[in-house]
């Protein structure tokens, strides 16, 4: 007869085993992504956690001035604060993708909670997304639940190769990010376009805008191609 302690231990082991597949997939996918951007000499600017009513339009203006297309991974919970932004992004030629509903950390919640977060995010954005729209996992983490939700949708899962550091306590210099993109011969750059609250809001916004512009200009000078994530994957005939 199994004791409650043994049942609990078996449940933890089962969840850990189920989570192995998405973690292994992430490692392989990230390695392939690094190879792909380097081989294609391509740069993808990607923006998470928006839309923000103030910062997203400012990012759009920089992209418009520089003539660059980007990918925006939107949170369903942000839509009430900027309901017009998904349509504006699409009208401007950018790619709109999903980032869940409430940005649940898949390694800190149950598989079913992560599953529901993915599904609810797609539902909130259904007017702006196709049935297999791209997805970026919150915090770059998946568990068995979120992995299953994405597999059922056949949704491409997107990672990144270069973190801009715009959410770090002390961000790096924009110049260092642009230099790394060039040094790596391309990359998928992680940025965030949501409006922060509290102190340092404008400083963070300025960092995002300066990094965006500097990466674009340095990449062009180095002969790298800039585009959205779907552009990168179309160029290699993969999802």
C-alpha atoms as a PDB file:
ATOM      1  CA  UNK A   1       0.000   0.000   0.000  1.00  0.00           C
ATOM      2  CA  UNK A   2       1.385   3.372  -0.980  1.00  0.00           C
ATOM      3  CA  UNK A   3       1.738   5.962   1.755  1.00  0.00           C
ATOM      4  CA  UNK A   4       0.857   9.657   1.150  1.00  0.00           C
ATOM      5  CA  UNK A   5       4.573  10.455   1.189  1.00  0.00           C
ATOM      6  CA  UNK A   6       5.285   7.860  -1.480  1.00  0.00           C
ATOM      7  CA  UNK A   7       2.362   9.066  -3.587  1.00  0.00           C
ATOM      8  CA  UNK A   8       3.705  12.615  -3.371  1.00  0.00           C
ATOM      9  CA  UNK A   9       7.184  11.502  -4.315  1.00  0.00           C
ATOM     10  CA  UNK A  10       5.850   9.581  -7.313  1.00  0.00           C
ATOM     11  CA  UNK A  11       3.847  12.618  -8.421  1.00  0.00           C
ATOM     12  CA  UNK A  12       6.915  14.869  -8.230  1.00  0.00           C
ATOM     13  CA  UNK A  13       8.947  12.322 -10.178  1.00  0.00           C
ATOM     14  CA  UNK A  14       6.247  12.046 -12.832  1.00  0.00           C
ATOM     15  CA  UNK A  15       6.070  15.822 -13.281  1.00  0.00           C
ATOM     16  CA  UNK A  16       9.859  16.017 -13.488  1.00  0.00           C
ATOM     17  CA  UNK A  17       9.943  13.333 -16.152  1.00  0.00           C
ATOM     18  CA  UNK A  18       7.172  15.060 -18.102  1.00  0.00           C
ATOM     19  CA  UNK A  19       9.059  18.345 -17.956  1.00  0.00           C
ATOM     20  CA  UNK A  20      12.229  16.778 -19.360  1.00  0.00           C
ATOM     21  CA  UNK A  21      10.926  16.801 -22.949  1.00  0.00           C
ATOM     22  CA  UNK A  22      10.275  20.570 -23.177  1.00  0.00           C
ATOM     23  CA  UNK A  23      13.572  21.378 -21.452  1.00  0.00           C
ATOM     24  CA  UNK A  24      15.505  19.144 -23.825  1.00  0.00           C
ATOM     25  CA  UNK A  25      13.657  20.654 -26.768  1.00  0.00           C
ATOM     26  CA  UNK A  26      14.610  24.165 -25.632  1.00  0.00           C
ATOM     27  CA  UNK A  27      18.312  23.295 -25.499  1.00  0.00           C
ATOM     28  CA  UNK A  28      18.255  21.802 -28.992  1.00  0.00           C
ATOM     29  CA  UNK A  29      16.087  24.578 -30.439  1.00  0.00           C
ATOM     30  CA  UNK A  30      18.272  27.358 -29.036  1.00  0.00           C
ATOM     31  CA  UNK A  31      21.387  25.745 -30.475  1.00  0.00           C
ATOM     32  CA  UNK A  32      19.724  25.457 -33.875  1.00  0.00           C
ATOM     33  CA  UNK A  33      18.544  29.059 -33.656  1.00  0.00           C
ATOM     34  CA  UNK A  34      22.092  30.287 -33.070  1.00  0.00           C
ATOM     35  CA  UNK A  35      23.277  28.305 -36.071  1.00  0.00           C
ATOM     36  CA  UNK A  36      20.416  29.593 -38.233  1.00  0.00           C
ATOM     37  CA  UNK A  37      20.905  33.310 -37.579  1.00  0.00           C
ATOM     38  CA  UNK A  38      24.646  33.006 -38.070  1.00  0.00           C
ATOM     39  CA  UNK A  39      24.255  31.055 -41.292  1.00  0.00           C
ATOM     40  CA  UNK A  40      21.708  33.556 -42.650  1.00  0.00           C
ATOM     41  CA  UNK A  41      23.495  36.582 -41.151  1.00  0.00           C
ATOM     42  CA  UNK A  42      20.154  37.771 -39.882  1.00  0.00           C
ATOM     43  CA  UNK A  43      18.989  39.892 -36.948  1.00  0.00           C
ATOM     44  CA  UNK A  44      15.497  39.673 -35.454  1.00  0.00           C
ATOM     45  CA  UNK A  45      14.356  42.334 -33.024  1.00  0.00           C
ATOM     46  CA  UNK A  46      11.751  40.841 -30.704  1.00  0.00           C
ATOM     47  CA  UNK A  47       9.674  42.629 -28.066  1.00  0.00           C
ATOM     48  CA  UNK A  48       8.019  40.857 -25.128  1.00  0.00           C
ATOM     49  CA  UNK A  49       5.398  41.670 -22.488  1.00  0.00           C
ATOM     50  CA  UNK A  50       3.538  44.418 -24.342  1.00  0.00           C
ATOM     51  CA  UNK A  51       1.633  46.110 -25.633  1.00  0.00           C
ATOM     52  CA  UNK A  52       2.331  49.248 -23.668  1.00  0.00           C
ATOM     53  CA  UNK A  53       0.240  52.357 -24.359  1.00  0.00           C
ATOM     54  CA  UNK A  54       3.304  54.625 -24.226  1.00  0.00           C
ATOM     55  CA  UNK A  55       6.426  52.648 -25.050  1.00  0.00           C
ATOM     56  CA  UNK A  56       5.081  50.457 -27.855  1.00  0.00           C
ATOM     57  CA  UNK A  57       4.167  53.464 -30.049  1.00  0.00           C
ATOM     58  CA  UNK A  58       7.648  54.894 -29.461  1.00  0.00           C
ATOM     59  CA  UNK A  59       9.226  51.603 -30.511  1.00  0.00           C
ATOM     60  CA  UNK A  60       6.997  51.582 -33.583  1.00  0.00           C
ATOM     61  CA  UNK A  61       8.246  55.027 -34.544  1.00  0.00           C
ATOM     62  CA  UNK A  62      11.896  53.938 -34.344  1.00  0.00           C
ATOM     63  CA  UNK A  63      11.159  50.877 -36.465  1.00  0.00           C
ATOM     64  CA  UNK A  64       9.278  53.007 -38.983  1.00  0.00           C
ATOM     65  CA  UNK A  65      12.131  55.501 -39.255  1.00  0.00           C
ATOM     66  CA  UNK A  66      14.654  52.698 -39.763  1.00  0.00           C
ATOM     67  CA  UNK A  67      12.455  50.659 -42.104  1.00  0.00           C
ATOM     68  CA  UNK A  68      12.662  47.456 -40.067  1.00  0.00           C
ATOM     69  CA  UNK A  69      10.091  44.767 -39.353  1.00  0.00           C
ATOM     70  CA  UNK A  70      10.007  43.140 -35.882  1.00  0.00           C
ATOM     71  CA  UNK A  71       8.096  40.535 -33.878  1.00  0.00           C
ATOM     72  CA  UNK A  72       5.963  41.464 -30.843  1.00  0.00           C
ATOM     73  CA  UNK A  73       5.007  38.776 -28.311  1.00  0.00           C
ATOM     74  CA  UNK A  74       1.912  40.134 -26.591  1.00  0.00           C
ATOM     75  CA  UNK A  75       0.415  39.361 -23.195  1.00  0.00           C
ATOM     76  CA  UNK A  76      -3.342  39.001 -23.077  1.00  0.00           C
ATOM     77  CA  UNK A  77      -3.536  40.867 -19.772  1.00  0.00           C
ATOM     78  CA  UNK A  78      -2.013  43.993 -21.365  1.00  0.00           C
ATOM     79  CA  UNK A  79      -4.690  44.379 -24.039  1.00  0.00           C
ATOM     80  CA  UNK A  80      -7.216  46.371 -21.953  1.00  0.00           C
ATOM     81  CA  UNK A  81      -4.586  49.080 -21.472  1.00  0.00           C
ATOM     82  CA  UNK A  82      -3.773  49.350 -25.183  1.00  0.00           C
ATOM     83  CA  UNK A  83      -6.595  47.671 -27.120  1.00  0.00           C
ATOM     84  CA  UNK A  84      -5.703  49.318 -30.418  1.00  0.00           C
ATOM     85  CA  UNK A  85      -2.048  48.263 -30.440  1.00  0.00           C
ATOM     86  CA  UNK A  86      -2.273  44.769 -32.007  1.00  0.00           C
ATOM     87  CA  UNK A  87      -4.047  46.229 -35.040  1.00  0.00           C
ATOM     88  CA  UNK A  88      -1.523  49.066 -35.220  1.00  0.00           C
ATOM     89  CA  UNK A  89       1.352  46.599 -35.129  1.00  0.00           C
ATOM     90  CA  UNK A  90      -0.147  44.526 -37.918  1.00  0.00           C
ATOM     91  CA  UNK A  91      -0.973  47.593 -40.017  1.00  0.00           C
ATOM     92  CA  UNK A  92       2.652  48.717 -39.703  1.00  0.00           C
ATOM     93  CA  UNK A  93       3.825  45.376 -41.109  1.00  0.00           C
ATOM     94  CA  UNK A  94       5.077  43.818 -37.900  1.00  0.00           C
ATOM     95  CA  UNK A  95       4.492  40.299 -36.695  1.00  0.00           C
ATOM     96  CA  UNK A  96       2.119  39.772 -33.765  1.00  0.00           C
ATOM     97  CA  UNK A  97       2.701  36.643 -31.679  1.00  0.00           C
ATOM     98  CA  UNK A  98       1.573  35.262 -28.315  1.00  0.00           C
ATOM     99  CA  UNK A  99       3.303  35.380 -24.932  1.00  0.00           C
ATOM    100  CA  UNK A 100       0.537  33.874 -22.716  1.00  0.00           C
ATOM    101  CA  UNK A 101      -2.153  35.604 -20.693  1.00  0.00           C
ATOM    102  CA  UNK A 102      -0.535  36.422 -17.358  1.00  0.00           C
ATOM    103  CA  UNK A 103       3.158  35.607 -17.855  1.00  0.00           C
ATOM    104  CA  UNK A 104       3.154  32.574 -15.571  1.00  0.00           C
ATOM    105  CA  UNK A 105       6.596  31.105 -14.836  1.00  0.00           C
ATOM    106  CA  UNK A 106       6.246  27.509 -16.031  1.00  0.00           C
ATOM    107  CA  UNK A 107       8.804  26.204 -13.546  1.00  0.00           C
ATOM    108  CA  UNK A 108       6.953  27.843 -10.652  1.00  0.00           C
ATOM    109  CA  UNK A 109       3.413  26.731 -11.382  1.00  0.00           C
ATOM    110  CA  UNK A 110       1.553  23.508 -12.051  1.00  0.00           C
ATOM    111  CA  UNK A 111       1.385  22.065 -15.563  1.00  0.00           C
ATOM    112  CA  UNK A 112      -2.356  22.749 -15.782  1.00  0.00           C
ATOM    113  CA  UNK A 113      -1.887  26.387 -14.695  1.00  0.00           C
ATOM    114  CA  UNK A 114       0.745  26.848 -17.408  1.00  0.00           C
ATOM    115  CA  UNK A 115      -1.527  25.125 -19.925  1.00  0.00           C
ATOM    116  CA  UNK A 116      -4.385  27.505 -19.100  1.00  0.00           C
ATOM    117  CA  UNK A 117      -2.083  30.535 -19.304  1.00  0.00           C
ATOM    118  CA  UNK A 118      -1.045  29.626 -22.855  1.00  0.00           C
ATOM    119  CA  UNK A 119      -4.598  28.893 -23.992  1.00  0.00           C
ATOM    120  CA  UNK A 120      -6.036  32.059 -22.414  1.00  0.00           C
ATOM    121  CA  UNK A 121      -3.342  34.185 -24.055  1.00  0.00           C
ATOM    122  CA  UNK A 122      -4.186  32.853 -27.499  1.00  0.00           C
ATOM    123  CA  UNK A 123      -7.894  33.335 -26.831  1.00  0.00           C
ATOM    124  CA  UNK A 124      -7.388  36.979 -25.819  1.00  0.00           C
ATOM    125  CA  UNK A 125      -5.472  37.632 -29.043  1.00  0.00           C
ATOM    126  CA  UNK A 126      -7.598  35.479 -31.347  1.00  0.00           C
ATOM    127  CA  UNK A 127      -8.675  38.437 -33.513  1.00  0.00           C
ATOM    128  CA  UNK A 128      -5.050  39.218 -34.281  1.00  0.00           C
ATOM    129  CA  UNK A 129      -3.441  35.763 -34.522  1.00  0.00           C
ATOM    130  CA  UNK A 130      -3.609  32.822 -36.845  1.00  0.00           C
ATOM    131  CA  UNK A 131      -4.304  29.337 -35.439  1.00  0.00           C
ATOM    132  CA  UNK A 132      -0.595  28.477 -35.382  1.00  0.00           C
ATOM    133  CA  UNK A 133       0.792  31.903 -34.447  1.00  0.00           C
ATOM    134  CA  UNK A 134       4.251  31.945 -32.939  1.00  0.00           C
ATOM    135  CA  UNK A 135       4.769  31.790 -29.161  1.00  0.00           C
ATOM    136  CA  UNK A 136       7.495  32.857 -26.783  1.00  0.00           C
ATOM    137  CA  UNK A 137       7.437  31.225 -23.340  1.00  0.00           C
ATOM    138  CA  UNK A 138       7.380  33.631 -20.368  1.00  0.00           C
ATOM    139  CA  UNK A 139      10.830  33.710 -18.742  1.00  0.00           C
ATOM    140  CA  UNK A 140      11.918  31.325 -21.495  1.00  0.00           C
ATOM    141  CA  UNK A 141      10.479  28.363 -19.552  1.00  0.00           C
ATOM    142  CA  UNK A 142       8.120  25.539 -20.492  1.00  0.00           C
ATOM    143  CA  UNK A 143       6.662  22.709 -18.493  1.00  0.00           C
ATOM    144  CA  UNK A 144       4.613  19.701 -19.536  1.00  0.00           C
ATOM    145  CA  UNK A 145       1.396  21.735 -19.542  1.00  0.00           C
ATOM    146  CA  UNK A 146       2.543  24.655 -21.669  1.00  0.00           C
ATOM    147  CA  UNK A 147       4.421  22.277 -23.971  1.00  0.00           C
ATOM    148  CA  UNK A 148       1.237  20.252 -24.505  1.00  0.00           C
ATOM    149  CA  UNK A 149      -0.846  23.372 -25.169  1.00  0.00           C
ATOM    150  CA  UNK A 150       1.600  24.477 -27.843  1.00  0.00           C
ATOM    151  CA  UNK A 151       1.885  21.033 -29.384  1.00  0.00           C
ATOM    152  CA  UNK A 152      -1.900  20.843 -29.683  1.00  0.00           C
ATOM    153  CA  UNK A 153      -1.895  24.171 -31.540  1.00  0.00           C
ATOM    154  CA  UNK A 154       1.172  23.216 -33.584  1.00  0.00           C
ATOM    155  CA  UNK A 155       2.510  26.614 -32.615  1.00  0.00           C
ATOM    156  CA  UNK A 156       6.168  27.434 -33.356  1.00  0.00           C
ATOM    157  CA  UNK A 157       8.057  28.212 -30.139  1.00  0.00           C
ATOM    158  CA  UNK A 158      10.566  31.067 -30.306  1.00  0.00           C
ATOM    159  CA  UNK A 159      13.599  31.596 -28.098  1.00  0.00           C
ATOM    160  CA  UNK A 160      16.328  34.225 -28.315  1.00  0.00           C
ATOM    161  CA  UNK A 161      20.106  34.305 -28.586  1.00  0.00           C
ATOM    162  CA  UNK A 162      20.882  37.734 -27.102  1.00  0.00           C
ATOM    163  CA  UNK A 163      19.212  39.238 -24.017  1.00  0.00           C
ATOM    164  CA  UNK A 164      19.349  43.042 -24.161  1.00  0.00           C
ATOM    165  CA  UNK A 165      19.305  43.173 -20.371  1.00  0.00           C
ATOM    166  CA  UNK A 166      16.540  45.772 -20.294  1.00  0.00           C
ATOM    167  CA  UNK A 167      14.917  44.002 -17.319  1.00  0.00           C
ATOM    168  CA  UNK A 168      18.124  43.577 -15.339  1.00  0.00           C
ATOM    169  CA  UNK A 169      18.707  45.682 -12.189  1.00  0.00           C
ATOM    170  CA  UNK A 170      21.615  47.325 -14.013  1.00  0.00           C
ATOM    171  CA  UNK A 171      21.310  47.085 -17.814  1.00  0.00           C
ATOM    172  CA  UNK A 172      24.431  46.828 -19.985  1.00  0.00           C
ATOM    173  CA  UNK A 173      25.270  49.569 -22.432  1.00  0.00           C
ATOM    174  CA  UNK A 174      23.324  49.656 -25.709  1.00  0.00           C
ATOM    175  CA  UNK A 175      26.685  49.699 -27.488  1.00  0.00           C
ATOM    176  CA  UNK A 176      27.654  46.356 -25.960  1.00  0.00           C
ATOM    177  CA  UNK A 177      24.457  44.729 -27.221  1.00  0.00           C
ATOM    178  CA  UNK A 178      24.911  46.090 -30.731  1.00  0.00           C
ATOM    179  CA  UNK A 179      28.544  44.983 -30.743  1.00  0.00           C
ATOM    180  CA  UNK A 180      27.593  41.471 -29.693  1.00  0.00           C
ATOM    181  CA  UNK A 181      25.019  41.196 -32.477  1.00  0.00           C
ATOM    182  CA  UNK A 182      27.675  42.104 -35.021  1.00  0.00           C
ATOM    183  CA  UNK A 183      30.286  39.882 -33.401  1.00  0.00           C
ATOM    184  CA  UNK A 184      27.898  36.917 -33.430  1.00  0.00           C
ATOM    185  CA  UNK A 185      27.100  37.487 -37.091  1.00  0.00           C
ATOM    186  CA  UNK A 186      23.408  37.896 -36.307  1.00  0.00           C
ATOM    187  CA  UNK A 187      20.998  37.076 -33.530  1.00  0.00           C
ATOM    188  CA  UNK A 188      17.529  37.141 -32.053  1.00  0.00           C
ATOM    189  CA  UNK A 189      17.497  40.078 -29.649  1.00  0.00           C
ATOM    190  CA  UNK A 190      15.179  40.042 -26.633  1.00  0.00           C
ATOM    191  CA  UNK A 191      13.687  43.426 -25.693  1.00  0.00           C
ATOM    192  CA  UNK A 192      10.568  44.520 -23.772  1.00  0.00           C
ATOM    193  CA  UNK A 193       8.020  47.162 -24.763  1.00  0.00           C
ATOM    194  CA  UNK A 194       5.700  47.268 -21.757  1.00  0.00           C
ATOM    195  CA  UNK A 195       5.357  50.462 -19.711  1.00  0.00           C
ATOM    196  CA  UNK A 196       7.101  50.135 -16.389  1.00  0.00           C
ATOM    197  CA  UNK A 197       5.710  51.624 -13.209  1.00  0.00           C
ATOM    198  CA  UNK A 198       7.675  53.507 -10.567  1.00  0.00           C
ATOM    199  CA  UNK A 199      11.168  54.928 -10.613  1.00  0.00           C
ATOM    200  CA  UNK A 200      13.431  54.592 -13.604  1.00  0.00           C
ATOM    201  CA  UNK A 201      10.561  54.254 -16.067  1.00  0.00           C
ATOM    202  CA  UNK A 202      11.873  56.782 -18.571  1.00  0.00           C
ATOM    203  CA  UNK A 203      15.448  55.562 -18.225  1.00  0.00           C
ATOM    204  CA  UNK A 204      14.363  52.032 -19.115  1.00  0.00           C
ATOM    205  CA  UNK A 205      12.300  53.273 -22.033  1.00  0.00           C
ATOM    206  CA  UNK A 206      15.263  55.293 -23.303  1.00  0.00           C
ATOM    207  CA  UNK A 207      17.456  52.195 -23.045  1.00  0.00           C
ATOM    208  CA  UNK A 208      15.023  50.127 -25.120  1.00  0.00           C
ATOM    209  CA  UNK A 209      14.735  52.798 -27.792  1.00  0.00           C
ATOM    210  CA  UNK A 210      18.470  53.486 -27.992  1.00  0.00           C
ATOM    211  CA  UNK A 211      19.331  49.784 -28.092  1.00  0.00           C
ATOM    212  CA  UNK A 212      16.766  49.172 -30.815  1.00  0.00           C
ATOM    213  CA  UNK A 213      18.099  51.955 -33.003  1.00  0.00           C
ATOM    214  CA  UNK A 214      21.748  51.121 -32.377  1.00  0.00           C
ATOM    215  CA  UNK A 215      21.315  47.415 -33.136  1.00  0.00           C
ATOM    216  CA  UNK A 216      19.561  48.291 -36.383  1.00  0.00           C
ATOM    217  CA  UNK A 217      22.204  50.734 -37.555  1.00  0.00           C
ATOM    218  CA  UNK A 218      25.194  48.613 -36.565  1.00  0.00           C
ATOM    219  CA  UNK A 219      23.605  45.557 -38.167  1.00  0.00           C
ATOM    220  CA  UNK A 220      23.031  47.416 -41.423  1.00  0.00           C
ATOM    221  CA  UNK A 221      26.602  48.697 -41.401  1.00  0.00           C
ATOM    222  CA  UNK A 222      27.818  45.112 -40.964  1.00  0.00           C
ATOM    223  CA  UNK A 223      25.725  43.871 -43.894  1.00  0.00           C
ATOM    224  CA  UNK A 224      23.320  41.869 -41.736  1.00  0.00           C
ATOM    225  CA  UNK A 225      19.681  41.386 -42.725  1.00  0.00           C
ATOM    226  CA  UNK A 226      16.933  42.503 -40.335  1.00  0.00           C
ATOM    227  CA  UNK A 227      13.479  40.947 -40.181  1.00  0.00           C
ATOM    228  CA  UNK A 228      10.778  39.267 -38.121  1.00  0.00           C
ATOM    229  CA  UNK A 229      10.968  35.729 -36.778  1.00  0.00           C
ATOM    230  CA  UNK A 230       8.739  34.361 -39.533  1.00  0.00           C
ATOM    231  CA  UNK A 231      11.107  35.927 -42.081  1.00  0.00           C
ATOM    232  CA  UNK A 232      14.011  34.082 -40.504  1.00  0.00           C
ATOM    233  CA  UNK A 233      12.225  30.742 -40.560  1.00  0.00           C
ATOM    234  CA  UNK A 234      10.808  31.176 -44.048  1.00  0.00           C
ATOM    235  CA  UNK A 235      14.308  31.763 -45.322  1.00  0.00           C
ATOM    236  CA  UNK A 236      15.335  28.327 -44.074  1.00  0.00           C
ATOM    237  CA  UNK A 237      12.115  26.567 -45.078  1.00  0.00           C
ATOM    238  CA  UNK A 238      11.350  25.625 -41.475  1.00  0.00           C
ATOM    239  CA  UNK A 239       8.511  26.504 -39.140  1.00  0.00           C
END
